[in-house]
Protein backbone atom coordinates (compact mmCIF):
# COMPACT_ATOMS: atom_id res chain seq x y z
CA MET A 1 180.66 18.81 179.35
CA SER A 2 177.59 19.47 181.08
CA ALA A 3 177.51 22.71 179.61
CA VAL A 4 177.50 21.52 176.15
CA PHE A 5 174.70 19.71 176.07
CA SER A 6 172.40 21.71 178.56
CA ARG A 7 168.76 21.92 178.31
CA PRO A 8 167.20 24.92 176.17
CA PRO A 9 165.57 27.55 178.12
CA PRO A 10 162.01 27.05 178.34
CA PRO A 11 159.91 29.17 175.68
CA PRO A 12 158.22 32.35 176.72
CA PRO A 13 155.12 32.61 178.15
CA PRO A 14 151.91 33.37 175.48
CA PRO A 15 150.94 36.93 174.88
CA PRO A 16 148.19 38.04 176.65
CA PRO A 17 144.87 38.33 174.39
CA ALA A 18 144.11 41.28 172.17
CA PRO A 19 141.51 43.82 173.60
CA SER A 20 138.75 43.14 171.75
CA ARG A 21 136.75 46.47 169.87
CA ASP A 22 134.33 46.93 172.78
CA ASP A 23 136.53 47.41 175.41
CA PRO A 24 136.60 50.83 177.17
CA ALA A 25 140.57 51.54 176.55
CA VAL A 26 140.18 50.81 172.95
CA GLU A 27 137.24 53.47 172.45
CA ALA A 28 139.27 55.85 174.67
CA ALA A 29 142.35 55.51 172.99
CA ARG A 30 140.48 55.72 169.39
CA LYS A 31 138.68 58.89 170.39
CA ARG A 32 142.45 60.65 171.48
CA ALA A 33 143.61 59.57 168.09
CA VAL A 34 141.01 61.50 166.43
CA ARG A 35 140.64 64.23 168.41
CA ALA A 36 144.94 64.72 167.98
CA ALA A 37 144.39 64.28 164.57
CA GLY A 38 141.65 67.32 164.52
CA ASN A 39 143.82 69.70 166.70
CA ALA A 40 146.51 69.07 163.96
CA ARG A 41 144.39 69.75 161.17
CA GLY A 42 143.03 72.90 162.72
CA ARG A 43 146.59 74.12 163.43
CA SER A 44 147.75 73.93 159.84
CA ALA A 45 144.61 75.36 158.50
CA THR A 46 145.39 78.53 160.31
CA VAL A 47 148.66 79.25 158.54
CA LEU A 48 148.12 81.98 156.15
CA THR A 49 151.16 82.67 155.07
CA GLY A 50 153.30 80.40 152.47
CA ASP A 51 156.83 80.54 151.54
CA ARG A 52 156.02 83.61 149.21
CA GLY A 53 154.59 85.52 152.16
CA LEU A 54 150.69 86.28 152.42
CA THR A 55 148.85 84.76 149.74
CA GLY A 56 145.84 85.82 147.70
CA LEU A 57 145.93 89.32 148.14
CA ALA A 58 146.22 92.51 145.61
CA SER A 59 149.73 93.50 147.00
CA ASP A 60 151.23 90.21 145.49
CA ALA A 61 153.37 92.44 142.94
CA PRO A 62 157.29 91.73 142.86
CA VAL A 63 159.20 93.82 145.15
CA SER A 64 162.40 95.01 143.90
CA LYS A 65 165.50 95.14 145.99
CA LYS A 66 169.02 96.74 145.89
CA THR A 67 171.50 94.42 144.09
CA LEU A 68 174.83 94.03 146.24
CA LEU A 69 176.73 95.59 143.66
CA GLY A 70 174.76 98.98 144.36
CA ALA A 71 173.12 98.87 140.83
């Protein structure tokens, strides 16, 4: 019968205090995030082709290909 009326478990300990904005670890994490965003933006800016190939060139004329029927 003692298992039915047992004591509830103790509450979990309180979480540690949040770091302040002046904390060096917070500043380092912010710098890493800014650098990573800049690197990602830089890589995407270097892609010169789209789904239609190179864009903005004078040779954007449509290319005709043979059909499967040979006509």
